[in-house]
Amino acid sequence: MSKEAIIRKKAIQILKDKGWIVWFAPKVKYQQTDVFGIIDLLAIKGKRMKKIQLTTLANISTRRRKIQKFLKKFKIEMSVQIWGWDKKKKEFRKEKVKI
């Protein structure tokens, strides 16, 4: 299992354990599978929705810039959460990106 798949599995389990319904695009070789290139998981619960970009702790700043660039370019007002997996602490560091 790839590092990406392992991180996704952990995130999905955390969300499901808290009552969220989770969707992600199936991976297809050589094709973009994240929504707009910035969202890996969509989670819904009641009237709430989370748009989540998964990554490793080391790549959080790169993902943040990518999301900010997309939101500014298309003048989109929404928040995207970045969940960065901390391998040492075995937990996600979460931050919200919003323009």
N, C-alpha and C. Protein backbone atom coordinates (compact mmCIF):
# COMPACT_ATOMS: atom_id res chain seq x y z
N MET A 1 0.86 -1.18 0.00
CA MET A 1 0.00 0.00 0.00
C MET A 1 0.90 1.24 0.00
N SER A 2 0.56 2.21 -0.84
CA SER A 2 1.36 3.43 -0.94
C SER A 2 1.18 4.30 0.31
N LYS A 3 2.14 5.21 0.53
CA LYS A 3 2.06 6.13 1.66
C LYS A 3 0.77 6.94 1.59
N GLU A 4 0.42 7.37 0.38
CA GLU A 4 -0.81 8.15 0.18
C GLU A 4 -2.04 7.34 0.60
N ALA A 5 -2.09 6.07 0.21
CA ALA A 5 -3.23 5.22 0.54
C ALA A 5 -3.32 4.98 2.05
N ILE A 6 -2.18 4.83 2.70
CA ILE A 6 -2.17 4.63 4.15
C ILE A 6 -2.69 5.86 4.87
N ILE A 7 -2.23 7.04 4.46
CA ILE A 7 -2.69 8.30 5.07
C ILE A 7 -4.19 8.47 4.84
N ARG A 8 -4.66 8.19 3.62
CA ARG A 8 -6.09 8.32 3.31
C ARG A 8 -6.92 7.38 4.18
N LYS A 9 -6.46 6.15 4.33
CA LYS A 9 -7.19 5.17 5.14
C LYS A 9 -7.32 5.64 6.59
N LYS A 10 -6.23 6.20 7.15
CA LYS A 10 -6.26 6.70 8.53
C LYS A 10 -7.26 7.85 8.66
N ALA A 11 -7.24 8.79 7.71
CA ALA A 11 -8.13 9.95 7.75
C ALA A 11 -9.59 9.50 7.65
N ILE A 12 -9.87 8.59 6.74
CA ILE A 12 -11.24 8.11 6.55
C ILE A 12 -11.75 7.45 7.82
N GLN A 13 -10.90 6.65 8.47
CA GLN A 13 -11.32 5.97 9.70
C GLN A 13 -11.64 6.98 10.80
N ILE A 14 -10.79 8.00 10.95
CA ILE A 14 -11.03 9.04 11.96
C ILE A 14 -12.38 9.72 11.71
N LEU A 15 -12.63 10.10 10.45
CA LEU A 15 -13.88 10.78 10.11
C LEU A 15 -15.09 9.88 10.33
N LYS A 16 -15.01 8.63 9.87
CA LYS A 16 -16.14 7.70 10.03
C LYS A 16 -16.44 7.44 11.49
N ASP A 17 -15.38 7.33 12.30
CA ASP A 17 -15.58 7.11 13.74
C ASP A 17 -16.32 8.28 14.39
N LYS A 18 -16.24 9.47 13.77
CA LYS A 18 -16.92 10.66 14.30
C LYS A 18 -18.25 10.91 13.59
N GLY A 19 -18.72 9.95 12.79
CA GLY A 19 -20.03 10.05 12.18
C GLY A 19 -20.09 10.73 10.81
N TRP A 20 -18.95 11.00 10.20
CA TRP A 20 -18.92 11.64 8.89
C TRP A 20 -19.09 10.60 7.79
N ILE A 21 -19.74 10.98 6.71
CA ILE A 21 -19.80 10.17 5.49
C ILE A 21 -18.69 10.69 4.60
N VAL A 22 -17.85 9.80 4.09
CA VAL A 22 -16.65 10.21 3.38
C VAL A 22 -16.65 9.70 1.94
N TRP A 23 -16.21 10.55 1.02
CA TRP A 23 -16.04 10.18 -0.38
C TRP A 23 -14.67 10.61 -0.85
N PHE A 24 -14.06 9.77 -1.68
CA PHE A 24 -12.81 10.14 -2.36
C PHE A 24 -12.83 9.52 -3.74
N ALA A 25 -12.17 10.18 -4.67
CA ALA A 25 -12.11 9.67 -6.04
C ALA A 25 -11.16 8.48 -6.08
N PRO A 26 -11.56 7.41 -6.77
CA PRO A 26 -10.64 6.28 -6.90
C PRO A 26 -9.40 6.69 -7.70
N LYS A 27 -8.28 6.13 -7.33
CA LYS A 27 -7.03 6.47 -8.01
C LYS A 27 -6.99 5.79 -9.38
N VAL A 28 -6.59 6.57 -10.39
CA VAL A 28 -6.44 6.06 -11.75
C VAL A 28 -5.04 6.46 -12.20
N LYS A 29 -4.27 5.51 -12.68
CA LYS A 29 -2.90 5.81 -13.10
C LYS A 29 -2.85 6.94 -14.11
N TYR A 30 -1.92 7.85 -13.89
CA TYR A 30 -1.62 8.95 -14.81
C TYR A 30 -2.77 9.94 -14.99
N GLN A 31 -3.71 9.98 -14.06
CA GLN A 31 -4.80 10.94 -14.14
C GLN A 31 -4.98 11.62 -12.79
N GLN A 32 -5.37 12.89 -12.85
CA GLN A 32 -5.64 13.62 -11.61
C GLN A 32 -6.89 13.04 -10.98
N THR A 33 -6.82 12.78 -9.67
CA THR A 33 -8.00 12.22 -9.01
C THR A 33 -8.51 13.08 -7.87
N ASP A 34 -7.78 14.14 -7.50
CA ASP A 34 -8.32 15.00 -6.45
C ASP A 34 -9.16 16.11 -7.10
N VAL A 35 -10.22 16.50 -6.41
CA VAL A 35 -11.16 17.47 -6.93
C VAL A 35 -10.46 18.82 -7.12
N PHE A 36 -10.48 19.34 -8.32
CA PHE A 36 -9.84 20.61 -8.69
C PHE A 36 -8.35 20.62 -8.38
N GLY A 37 -7.77 19.47 -8.13
CA GLY A 37 -6.35 19.40 -7.80
C GLY A 37 -6.04 19.81 -6.37
N ILE A 38 -7.07 20.08 -5.56
CA ILE A 38 -6.81 20.56 -4.19
C ILE A 38 -7.60 19.83 -3.11
N ILE A 39 -8.50 18.92 -3.47
CA ILE A 39 -9.33 18.23 -2.47
C ILE A 39 -9.22 16.73 -2.68
N ASP A 40 -8.76 16.03 -1.63
CA ASP A 40 -8.65 14.57 -1.69
C ASP A 40 -9.89 13.87 -1.14
N LEU A 41 -10.46 14.44 -0.08
CA LEU A 41 -11.62 13.84 0.57
C LEU A 41 -12.74 14.86 0.73
N LEU A 42 -13.96 14.40 0.53
CA LEU A 42 -15.14 15.19 0.89
C LEU A 42 -15.84 14.43 2.01
N ALA A 43 -16.19 15.13 3.07
CA ALA A 43 -16.87 14.51 4.19
C ALA A 43 -18.10 15.34 4.55
N ILE A 44 -19.23 14.67 4.76
CA ILE A 44 -20.45 15.39 5.13
C ILE A 44 -21.06 14.79 6.39
N LYS A 45 -21.68 15.68 7.14
CA LYS A 45 -22.35 15.28 8.38
C LYS A 45 -23.38 16.36 8.67
N GLY A 46 -24.64 16.00 8.62
CA GLY A 46 -25.70 16.99 8.82
C GLY A 46 -25.61 18.07 7.76
N LYS A 47 -25.51 19.33 8.19
CA LYS A 47 -25.42 20.45 7.25
C LYS A 47 -23.97 20.86 6.99
N ARG A 48 -23.02 20.12 7.56
CA ARG A 48 -21.62 20.49 7.43
C ARG A 48 -20.90 19.67 6.38
N MET A 49 -19.90 20.28 5.76
CA MET A 49 -19.06 19.59 4.79
C MET A 49 -17.61 19.98 5.03
N LYS A 50 -16.75 19.00 4.96
CA LYS A 50 -15.30 19.23 5.05
C LYS A 50 -14.70 18.91 3.69
N LYS A 51 -13.82 19.79 3.23
CA LYS A 51 -13.05 19.57 2.02
C LYS A 51 -11.61 19.44 2.49
N ILE A 52 -11.02 18.26 2.28
CA ILE A 52 -9.74 17.95 2.91
C ILE A 52 -8.67 17.59 1.87
N GLN A 53 -7.51 18.19 2.04
CA GLN A 53 -6.31 17.85 1.27
C GLN A 53 -5.40 17.06 2.21
N LEU A 54 -5.04 15.86 1.83
CA LEU A 54 -4.18 15.02 2.64
C LEU A 54 -2.73 15.16 2.17
N THR A 55 -1.82 15.11 3.13
CA THR A 55 -0.40 15.19 2.78
C THR A 55 0.43 14.71 3.97
N THR A 56 1.72 14.78 3.80
CA THR A 56 2.62 14.50 4.91
C THR A 56 2.93 15.82 5.61
N LEU A 57 3.44 15.75 6.81
CA LEU A 57 3.77 16.95 7.58
C LEU A 57 4.73 17.84 6.80
N ALA A 58 5.70 17.25 6.14
CA ALA A 58 6.71 18.02 5.41
C ALA A 58 6.14 18.79 4.22
N ASN A 59 5.01 18.36 3.68
CA ASN A 59 4.44 19.00 2.48
C ASN A 59 3.30 19.97 2.75
N ILE A 60 3.02 20.27 4.00
CA ILE A 60 1.89 21.15 4.32
C ILE A 60 2.03 22.52 3.64
N SER A 61 3.21 23.14 3.71
CA SER A 61 3.36 24.48 3.14
C SER A 61 3.18 24.47 1.62
N THR A 62 3.64 23.42 0.96
CA THR A 62 3.46 23.30 -0.50
C THR A 62 1.98 23.20 -0.83
N ARG A 63 1.26 22.39 -0.08
CA ARG A 63 -0.19 22.22 -0.32
C ARG A 63 -0.93 23.53 -0.04
N ARG A 64 -0.52 24.23 1.03
CA ARG A 64 -1.15 25.50 1.38
C ARG A 64 -1.02 26.49 0.22
N ARG A 65 0.18 26.62 -0.33
CA ARG A 65 0.39 27.54 -1.46
C ARG A 65 -0.44 27.13 -2.67
N LYS A 66 -0.50 25.85 -2.94
CA LYS A 66 -1.27 25.34 -4.09
C LYS A 66 -2.77 25.69 -3.93
N ILE A 67 -3.30 25.48 -2.74
CA ILE A 67 -4.72 25.78 -2.48
C ILE A 67 -4.97 27.29 -2.57
N GLN A 68 -4.12 28.09 -1.94
CA GLN A 68 -4.28 29.54 -1.99
C GLN A 68 -4.22 30.06 -3.43
N LYS A 69 -3.30 29.55 -4.20
CA LYS A 69 -3.17 29.97 -5.60
C LYS A 69 -4.45 29.65 -6.39
N PHE A 70 -4.99 28.46 -6.19
CA PHE A 70 -6.22 28.06 -6.88
C PHE A 70 -7.39 28.96 -6.49
N LEU A 71 -7.58 29.17 -5.18
CA LEU A 71 -8.70 29.97 -4.69
C LEU A 71 -8.62 31.41 -5.21
N LYS A 72 -7.42 31.99 -5.18
CA LYS A 72 -7.24 33.36 -5.68
C LYS A 72 -7.47 33.44 -7.19
N LYS A 73 -6.88 32.50 -7.92
CA LYS A 73 -6.98 32.51 -9.39
C LYS A 73 -8.43 32.51 -9.86
N PHE A 74 -9.26 31.68 -9.22
CA PHE A 74 -10.65 31.55 -9.65
C PHE A 74 -11.63 32.34 -8.78
N LYS A 75 -11.09 33.17 -7.87
CA LYS A 75 -11.91 34.02 -6.99
C LYS A 75 -12.97 33.19 -6.25
N ILE A 76 -12.52 32.13 -5.62
CA ILE A 76 -13.41 31.21 -4.90
C ILE A 76 -13.29 31.46 -3.41
N GLU A 77 -14.43 31.60 -2.76
CA GLU A 77 -14.46 31.78 -1.32
C GLU A 77 -14.93 30.48 -0.67
N MET A 78 -14.00 29.70 -0.20
CA MET A 78 -14.32 28.48 0.54
C MET A 78 -13.10 28.10 1.35
N SER A 79 -13.30 27.23 2.31
CA SER A 79 -12.17 26.77 3.10
C SER A 79 -11.85 25.32 2.74
N VAL A 80 -10.57 25.03 2.79
CA VAL A 80 -10.08 23.67 2.56
C VAL A 80 -9.19 23.34 3.74
N GLN A 81 -9.40 22.17 4.32
CA GLN A 81 -8.56 21.73 5.42
C GLN A 81 -7.38 20.95 4.86
N ILE A 82 -6.22 21.18 5.44
CA ILE A 82 -5.04 20.38 5.11
C ILE A 82 -4.78 19.49 6.33
N TRP A 83 -4.74 18.20 6.08
CA TRP A 83 -4.42 17.24 7.13
C TRP A 83 -3.03 16.69 6.81
N GLY A 84 -2.04 17.07 7.59
CA GLY A 84 -0.67 16.60 7.40
C GLY A 84 -0.35 15.51 8.39
N TRP A 85 0.01 14.33 7.88
CA TRP A 85 0.29 13.19 8.75
C TRP A 85 1.67 13.32 9.39
N ASP A 86 1.68 13.30 10.72
CA ASP A 86 2.91 13.35 11.50
C ASP A 86 3.25 11.91 11.88
N LYS A 87 4.23 11.35 11.19
CA LYS A 87 4.59 9.95 11.38
C LYS A 87 5.10 9.67 12.79
N LYS A 88 5.83 10.63 13.37
CA LYS A 88 6.39 10.43 14.71
C LYS A 88 5.30 10.42 15.79
N LYS A 89 4.39 11.40 15.71
CA LYS A 89 3.32 11.51 16.71
C LYS A 89 2.13 10.61 16.38
N LYS A 90 2.11 10.07 15.15
CA LYS A 90 1.02 9.20 14.68
C LYS A 90 -0.34 9.90 14.79
N GLU A 91 -0.36 11.15 14.29
CA GLU A 91 -1.60 11.92 14.27
C GLU A 91 -1.51 12.96 13.15
N PHE A 92 -2.66 13.53 12.82
CA PHE A 92 -2.71 14.56 11.80
C PHE A 92 -2.55 15.94 12.42
N ARG A 93 -1.79 16.81 11.76
CA ARG A 93 -1.79 18.22 12.09
C ARG A 93 -2.74 18.86 11.09
N LYS A 94 -3.74 19.56 11.60
CA LYS A 94 -4.78 20.11 10.73
C LYS A 94 -4.72 21.62 10.69
N GLU A 95 -4.94 22.16 9.50
CA GLU A 95 -5.06 23.62 9.39
C GLU A 95 -6.08 23.93 8.30
N LYS A 96 -6.67 25.09 8.42
CA LYS A 96 -7.70 25.52 7.46
C LYS A 96 -7.13 26.62 6.57
N VAL A 97 -7.34 26.48 5.27
CA VAL A 97 -6.90 27.49 4.31
C VAL A 97 -8.16 28.12 3.76
N LYS A 98 -8.21 29.47 3.81
CA LYS A 98 -9.39 30.19 3.34
C LYS A 98 -8.95 31.51 2.76
N ILE A 99 -9.57 31.92 1.69
CA ILE A 99 -9.24 33.22 1.07
C ILE A 99 -10.39 34.17 1.35
